Amino acid sequence: MCGRFSLTATPEEVRALFGYIDQPNFPPRYNIAPTQPVATVRQEHGRRRFQLIRWGLIPSWVKDPASFTVLINARAETAAQKPSFRAAMRHHRCIFPASGFYEWRRTPDGKQPFWIHPADGGVMAMAGLWDTWSDPDGGDMDSGAMLTIESNKMMSEIHHRMPVILKPESFDAWLDTANIDVRQAQQMLLPIEDDYLVATPVSSRVNKVVNDDPELQVEVALETTDAPEKTRRPQKKTAKGGGQLDLF
């Protein structure tokens, strides 16, 4: 699964990769958590758009969101058949831009967090779904979930599932719900290549949502010797702008 992620790239870097027509400005986020606003990319009238949504999908048919379980992830293998995700797979596919995500590995001493990020340090695209819930008073709320798949070899050393990561050549097809049906879209939901990501052990400070700073991605020493191989140390970035919820 994926329960925390990060987007620390600049607005210009994100826009350059996804090519949406909007020009949003947003601060770096190092510890994005469920129920918070997150950046997504979707397609509207043949053009890509940037859209903030709530992380934790609420299907349109839910009567009371307060009593509904937060759906932050959807299994790629079964999303097309599940009532909560079936309509979104047909009509509301999106992408979550990310600099990386966090995952925890069970150890005899507890859970060790890892910062999982592209080996080249760039921005990655996590496949997602979104839906709009309307309250009785007429207000609308867009929310979404990330799609996960069985882990590749590298990630399997940490957790048995991982986000579905799309390559740029798949963006158009994934977002084109008008011409690409569910069967075709589902064929794109595969584990990324083993060498695409690297894993860096990090401090347990990431466990607390209030911590949202570059130090979360600084490597820490492991007491065990069987940690996943790390080939790159992430560069520190200085936070810009206001606090963690200035925009996100």
Protein backbone atom coordinates (compact mmCIF):
# COMPACT_ATOMS: atom_id res chain seq x y z
CA MET A 1 0.00 0.00 0.00
CA CYS A 2 0.98 3.64 0.05
CA GLY A 3 0.12 5.68 3.12
CA ARG A 4 2.49 8.64 2.84
CA PHE A 5 4.21 10.33 -0.05
CA SER A 6 6.05 13.49 -1.00
CA LEU A 7 6.04 16.13 -3.72
CA THR A 8 9.06 18.39 -3.38
CA ALA A 9 9.66 19.25 -7.03
CA THR A 10 9.04 22.82 -8.10
CA PRO A 11 5.75 23.76 -9.80
CA GLU A 12 7.71 24.32 -13.01
CA GLU A 13 9.26 20.83 -12.89
CA VAL A 14 5.90 19.17 -12.31
CA ARG A 15 4.20 21.15 -15.07
CA ALA A 16 7.03 20.37 -17.51
CA LEU A 17 6.52 16.64 -17.04
CA PHE A 18 2.74 16.51 -17.18
CA GLY A 19 2.02 19.37 -19.57
CA TYR A 20 -1.20 20.61 -17.96
CA ILE A 21 -2.52 23.99 -19.04
CA ASP A 22 -2.84 25.41 -15.52
CA GLN A 23 -0.02 27.28 -13.76
CA PRO A 24 -0.44 26.44 -10.05
CA ASN A 25 2.01 27.51 -7.39
CA PHE A 26 2.56 25.21 -4.43
CA PRO A 27 5.18 24.62 -1.71
CA PRO A 28 7.27 21.46 -1.31
CA ARG A 29 5.59 18.77 0.79
CA TYR A 30 7.69 16.10 2.51
CA ASN A 31 5.03 14.13 4.38
CA ILE A 32 1.66 14.12 2.63
CA ALA A 33 -0.92 12.10 4.56
CA PRO A 34 -4.43 10.75 3.94
CA THR A 35 -7.35 13.23 4.06
CA GLN A 36 -5.05 16.12 3.07
CA PRO A 37 -5.39 18.00 -0.24
CA VAL A 38 -3.12 16.52 -2.93
CA ALA A 39 -2.14 17.43 -6.47
CA THR A 40 -3.56 15.39 -9.34
CA VAL A 41 -3.51 15.52 -13.12
CA ARG A 42 -6.63 14.67 -15.12
CA GLN A 43 -7.88 15.18 -18.65
CA GLU A 44 -10.78 17.46 -19.50
CA HIS A 45 -11.97 18.08 -23.07
CA GLY A 46 -8.75 16.66 -24.45
CA ARG A 47 -6.43 18.81 -22.31
CA ARG A 48 -4.57 17.97 -19.13
CA ARG A 49 -5.54 19.91 -16.01
CA PHE A 50 -4.05 20.29 -12.53
CA GLN A 51 -6.55 19.68 -9.74
CA LEU A 52 -6.34 19.57 -5.94
CA ILE A 53 -8.42 16.79 -4.40
CA ARG A 54 -8.79 15.14 -1.00
CA TRP A 55 -6.67 12.01 -0.57
CA GLY A 56 -9.16 9.31 0.41
CA LEU A 57 -11.80 8.49 -2.18
CA ILE A 58 -15.47 8.93 -1.34
CA PRO A 59 -17.68 7.39 -4.05
CA SER A 60 -20.51 9.56 -5.35
CA TRP A 61 -23.13 7.15 -3.97
CA VAL A 62 -22.04 7.46 -0.32
CA LYS A 63 -24.72 9.05 1.86
CA ASP A 64 -22.61 9.97 4.89
CA PRO A 65 -18.85 10.47 4.35
CA ALA A 66 -18.30 10.68 8.10
CA SER A 67 -19.27 7.02 8.46
CA PHE A 68 -17.44 5.82 5.34
CA THR A 69 -13.98 4.22 5.51
CA VAL A 70 -11.25 6.35 3.95
CA LEU A 71 -10.10 4.66 0.72
CA ILE A 72 -6.56 5.87 0.09
CA ASN A 73 -5.53 2.88 -2.07
CA ALA A 74 -7.27 0.69 -4.63
CA ARG A 75 -5.98 -2.72 -5.72
CA ALA A 76 -5.20 -2.55 -9.44
CA GLU A 77 -6.15 -6.19 -9.90
CA THR A 78 -9.75 -5.74 -8.69
CA ALA A 79 -10.59 -2.01 -8.89
CA ALA A 80 -12.68 -2.45 -12.03
CA GLN A 81 -14.98 -4.87 -10.21
CA LYS A 82 -15.29 -3.14 -6.83
CA PRO A 83 -18.37 -0.92 -6.29
CA SER A 84 -16.24 1.84 -4.74
CA PHE A 85 -13.91 2.11 -7.75
CA ARG A 86 -15.80 0.65 -10.72
CA ALA A 87 -17.21 3.93 -12.05
CA ALA A 88 -13.95 5.80 -11.48
CA MET A 89 -12.02 3.21 -13.50
CA ARG A 90 -14.36 3.90 -16.41
CA HIS A 91 -14.71 7.66 -16.17
CA HIS A 92 -12.36 9.25 -13.61
CA ARG A 93 -8.75 8.17 -13.98
CA CYS A 94 -6.01 10.53 -12.81
CA ILE A 95 -2.31 10.77 -11.95
CA PHE A 96 -0.74 11.67 -8.60
CA PRO A 97 2.56 13.52 -9.19
CA ALA A 98 5.14 12.54 -6.56
CA SER A 99 8.80 12.83 -5.74
CA GLY A 100 8.56 9.51 -3.91
CA PHE A 101 6.68 7.65 -1.22
CA TYR A 102 7.29 6.10 2.18
CA GLU A 103 6.92 2.47 3.15
CA TRP A 104 7.56 0.61 6.39
CA ARG A 105 9.32 -2.73 6.76
CA ARG A 106 8.64 -4.93 9.76
CA THR A 107 11.72 -5.76 11.83
CA PRO A 108 12.24 -7.46 15.22
CA ASP A 109 12.60 -3.97 16.69
CA GLY A 110 9.50 -2.49 15.08
CA LYS A 111 8.74 -0.84 11.74
CA GLN A 112 11.58 0.81 9.82
CA PRO A 113 10.48 3.54 7.38
CA PHE A 114 12.05 3.85 3.93
CA TRP A 115 11.98 6.75 1.50
CA ILE A 116 11.28 5.20 -1.94
CA HIS A 117 12.12 7.46 -4.86
CA PRO A 118 13.20 7.37 -8.53
CA ALA A 119 16.85 6.49 -9.03
CA ASP A 120 17.27 9.55 -11.26
CA GLY A 121 15.72 11.86 -8.68
CA GLY A 122 12.94 13.03 -10.97
CA VAL A 123 9.18 13.31 -10.57
CA MET A 124 7.12 10.15 -10.93
CA ALA A 125 3.49 9.52 -11.85
CA MET A 126 1.34 7.29 -9.66
CA ALA A 127 -1.87 6.01 -11.24
CA GLY A 128 -5.04 7.04 -9.43
CA LEU A 129 -8.81 7.33 -9.46
CA TRP A 130 -11.06 10.20 -8.42
CA ASP A 131 -14.75 10.83 -7.86
CA THR A 132 -17.02 13.72 -6.88
CA TRP A 133 -19.27 13.52 -3.83
CA SER A 134 -22.12 16.02 -3.54
CA ASP A 135 -23.72 16.91 -0.22
CA PRO A 136 -27.46 17.64 0.14
CA ASP A 137 -26.75 21.38 0.30
CA GLY A 138 -25.17 21.36 -3.15
CA GLY A 139 -21.47 21.41 -2.23
CA ASP A 140 -19.08 19.17 -4.16
CA MET A 141 -15.89 17.47 -3.00
CA ASP A 142 -13.41 15.71 -5.27
CA SER A 143 -11.45 12.89 -3.68
CA GLY A 144 -9.16 10.15 -4.90
CA ALA A 145 -7.19 6.97 -4.28
CA MET A 146 -3.91 5.57 -5.59
CA LEU A 147 -3.77 2.26 -7.40
CA THR A 148 -1.40 -0.37 -5.99
CA ILE A 149 0.02 -3.58 -7.41
CA GLU A 150 2.15 -6.53 -6.28
CA SER A 151 5.67 -5.30 -5.55
CA ASN A 152 8.58 -5.67 -7.91
CA LYS A 153 11.75 -7.41 -6.70
CA MET A 154 13.24 -4.31 -5.06
CA MET A 155 10.08 -3.30 -3.22
CA SER A 156 9.29 -6.85 -2.14
CA GLU A 157 12.17 -6.61 0.35
CA ILE A 158 10.19 -3.91 2.16
CA HIS A 159 6.49 -4.51 1.46
CA HIS A 160 4.38 -6.83 -0.70
CA ARG A 161 2.57 -4.00 -2.51
CA MET A 162 3.56 -0.74 -4.18
CA PRO A 163 1.95 2.12 -6.13
CA VAL A 164 1.40 1.71 -9.86
CA ILE A 165 3.90 4.03 -11.52
CA LEU A 166 3.23 5.18 -15.08
CA LYS A 167 5.82 6.21 -17.65
CA PRO A 168 5.24 9.40 -19.73
CA GLU A 169 4.34 7.38 -22.82
CA SER A 170 1.33 6.00 -20.92
CA PHE A 171 -0.05 9.30 -19.62
CA ASP A 172 -2.35 10.02 -22.56
CA ALA A 173 -3.89 6.56 -22.68
CA TRP A 174 -4.41 6.33 -18.92
CA LEU A 175 -6.15 9.70 -18.73
CA ASP A 176 -8.22 9.23 -21.91
CA THR A 177 -11.37 7.68 -20.45
CA ALA A 178 -13.37 8.57 -23.56
CA ASN A 179 -11.37 6.34 -25.91
CA ILE A 180 -9.45 3.91 -23.70
CA ASP A 181 -11.75 1.45 -21.98
CA VAL A 182 -11.24 -0.27 -18.64
CA ARG A 183 -9.77 -3.43 -20.16
CA GLN A 184 -7.13 -1.43 -22.04
CA ALA A 185 -6.41 0.77 -19.05
CA GLN A 186 -5.96 -2.20 -16.75
CA GLN A 187 -3.22 -3.57 -19.00
CA MET A 188 -1.09 -0.56 -18.02
CA LEU A 189 -1.27 -1.39 -14.32
CA LEU A 190 2.00 -3.28 -13.81
CA PRO A 191 4.90 -3.12 -11.36
CA ILE A 192 7.61 -0.69 -12.45
CA GLU A 193 11.04 -2.04 -13.45
CA ASP A 194 13.24 -3.22 -10.58
CA ASP A 195 15.88 -0.54 -11.14
CA TYR A 196 13.49 2.42 -11.42
CA LEU A 197 13.29 3.06 -7.67
CA VAL A 198 15.79 3.10 -4.82
CA ALA A 199 15.10 2.78 -1.09
CA THR A 200 16.67 4.94 1.61
CA PRO A 201 16.16 4.12 5.32
CA VAL A 202 14.95 7.23 7.14
CA SER A 203 14.02 8.40 10.61
CA SER A 204 10.79 7.41 12.33
CA ARG A 205 9.99 11.13 12.49
CA VAL A 206 7.99 10.51 9.31
CA ASN A 207 5.49 8.58 11.42
CA LYS A 208 4.11 11.89 12.74
CA VAL A 209 2.09 13.93 10.27
CA VAL A 210 3.15 17.21 11.89
CA ASN A 211 6.74 16.60 10.73
CA ASP A 212 7.03 17.95 7.19
CA ASP A 213 10.60 18.99 6.42
CA PRO A 214 13.65 17.92 4.34
CA GLU A 215 15.19 16.05 7.28
CA LEU A 216 12.59 13.32 6.82
CA GLN A 217 14.44 12.14 3.71
CA VAL A 218 17.94 12.06 5.19
CA GLU A 219 19.43 8.59 5.38
CA VAL A 220 19.80 6.91 8.77
CA ALA A 221 21.96 3.93 9.69
CA LEU A 222 20.33 0.52 10.01
CA GLU A 223 21.26 -1.90 12.75
CA THR A 224 20.55 -4.85 10.45
CA THR A 225 22.63 -5.67 7.38
CA ASP A 226 19.87 -6.91 5.08
CA ALA A 227 18.49 -3.53 4.05
CA PRO A 228 17.59 -2.96 0.39
CA GLU A 229 20.50 -1.64 -1.60
CA LYS A 230 20.58 2.15 -1.83
CA THR A 231 22.29 3.62 -4.85
CA ARG A 232 21.56 7.29 -4.34
CA ARG A 233 21.24 9.66 -1.42
CA PRO A 234 18.45 12.19 -1.94
CA GLN A 235 19.54 15.79 -2.03
CA LYS A 236 18.29 18.08 0.67
CA LYS A 237 15.90 20.77 -0.42
CA THR A 238 15.06 23.91 1.45
CA ALA A 239 11.36 24.42 2.12
CA LYS A 240 9.79 27.39 0.39
CA GLY A 241 6.74 29.38 1.25
CA GLY A 242 4.55 28.89 4.30
CA GLY A 243 3.51 25.90 6.35
CA GLN A 244 2.44 22.50 5.12
CA LEU A 245 -1.15 23.49 4.40
CA ASP A 246 -0.50 26.84 2.70
CA LEU A 247 -1.82 25.35 -0.54
CA PHE A 248 -1.81 21.61 -0.06
